[in-house]
Amino acid sequence: MESNFSEILSQKFPITIFAKINTGQLNSEITGFLQDGEIKIWKINISALPEKGKANIEIKKFFKKQYTLKATIKNGETNKRKKIYLEKL
C-alpha cells in the first residue's frame, strides 16, 4: 500500500499531510488512506507505543529512513490523528 504514498513523494516539498497513527504494531509502515472530502488521511502503523513521546519519535525516524524526509509534528502530539509537516533532507 505504500506505493500510494508515491503521489506525495512526487509533489513539491515542503508539504503537510494528515495521518491516523496506529501504535504498537509489528512494523512501521503506511497501510493506506482514508478520504475525508478532499483531504487524504494517511493510515500509518508505528511499532513504538505511545509512551513518553516514543511513537512521535518513531514517526520521525520512519519518514527519515523510509523516504529521506524530515517530519515535524505540527498538531496532535498526544493524539492518534496528526498533522505532519514533511520536508526533504
Protein backbone atom coordinates (compact mmCIF):
# COMPACT_ATOMS: atom_id res chain seq x y z
CA MET A 1 0.00 0.00 0.00
CA GLU A 2 2.98 2.30 0.45
CA SER A 3 3.03 2.73 -3.33
CA ASN A 4 0.03 5.06 -2.93
CA PHE A 5 2.33 7.34 -0.98
CA SER A 6 4.34 7.87 -4.18
CA GLU A 7 1.87 10.61 -5.15
CA ILE A 8 3.07 12.54 -2.09
CA LEU A 9 6.71 11.98 -2.99
CA SER A 10 6.17 13.43 -6.47
CA GLN A 11 4.83 16.74 -5.08
CA LYS A 12 6.80 19.88 -4.43
CA PHE A 13 8.19 19.98 -0.90
CA PRO A 14 7.69 21.03 1.85
CA ILE A 15 4.16 19.67 2.30
CA THR A 16 1.77 18.93 5.13
CA ILE A 17 -0.07 15.62 5.43
CA PHE A 18 -2.73 14.37 7.80
CA ALA A 19 -2.27 10.97 9.42
CA LYS A 20 -4.03 8.49 11.67
CA ILE A 21 -1.42 6.63 13.71
CA ASN A 22 -1.79 3.05 14.93
CA THR A 23 0.82 2.36 17.60
CA GLY A 24 2.24 -0.91 18.94
CA GLN A 25 2.25 -2.62 15.52
CA LEU A 26 4.74 -5.23 14.31
CA ASN A 27 6.11 -2.99 11.54
CA SER A 28 6.22 0.73 10.90
CA GLU A 29 4.54 1.27 7.53
CA ILE A 30 1.93 3.23 5.62
CA THR A 31 -1.08 0.97 5.15
CA GLY A 32 -3.38 3.20 3.10
CA PHE A 33 -5.51 6.26 3.50
CA LEU A 34 -8.98 7.46 4.41
CA GLN A 35 -10.71 10.05 2.26
CA ASP A 36 -12.38 12.89 4.17
CA GLY A 37 -13.84 15.11 1.48
CA GLU A 38 -10.83 16.39 -0.45
CA ILE A 39 -8.38 15.54 2.33
CA LYS A 40 -6.47 12.25 2.48
CA ILE A 41 -5.73 10.97 5.94
CA TRP A 42 -2.81 8.53 5.71
CA LYS A 43 -3.02 5.41 7.88
CA ILE A 44 0.39 4.77 9.42
CA ASN A 45 1.38 1.83 11.61
CA ILE A 46 4.17 2.53 14.09
CA SER A 47 5.92 -0.15 16.14
CA ALA A 48 6.53 2.09 19.18
CA LEU A 49 4.00 2.54 21.95
CA PRO A 50 2.51 5.96 22.77
CA GLU A 51 4.56 6.38 25.95
CA LYS A 52 6.60 9.48 26.73
CA GLY A 53 6.67 10.57 23.08
CA LYS A 54 8.17 7.30 21.79
CA ALA A 55 5.60 6.95 18.98
CA ASN A 56 6.24 10.53 17.82
CA ILE A 57 9.97 9.85 17.72
CA GLU A 58 9.32 6.65 15.74
CA ILE A 59 7.21 8.59 13.21
CA LYS A 60 10.13 10.96 12.60
CA LYS A 61 12.60 8.07 12.27
CA PHE A 62 10.25 6.23 9.91
CA PHE A 63 9.97 9.13 7.45
CA LYS A 64 13.72 9.78 7.61
CA LYS A 65 14.71 6.15 7.00
CA GLN A 66 11.98 5.14 4.54
CA TYR A 67 11.64 8.33 2.47
CA THR A 68 14.62 10.59 3.36
CA LEU A 69 12.21 13.19 4.71
CA LYS A 70 12.28 15.30 7.85
CA ALA A 71 8.95 15.01 9.68
CA THR A 72 7.73 17.63 12.13
CA ILE A 73 4.50 17.00 14.02
CA LYS A 74 2.54 20.26 13.85
CA ASN A 75 -0.68 19.15 15.58
CA GLY A 76 -1.66 16.07 17.55
CA GLU A 77 1.40 15.39 19.72
CA THR A 78 -0.81 13.40 22.13
CA ASN A 79 -3.46 12.27 19.64
CA LYS A 80 -3.72 9.44 17.10
CA ARG A 81 -4.62 11.99 14.43
CA LYS A 82 -1.70 14.17 13.47
CA LYS A 83 -0.79 16.97 11.11
CA ILE A 84 2.74 16.26 9.88
CA TYR A 85 4.97 18.72 8.01
CA LEU A 86 7.37 16.94 5.62
CA GLU A 87 10.46 18.40 4.00
CA LYS A 88 13.34 16.91 2.06
CA LEU A 89 16.63 16.38 3.86
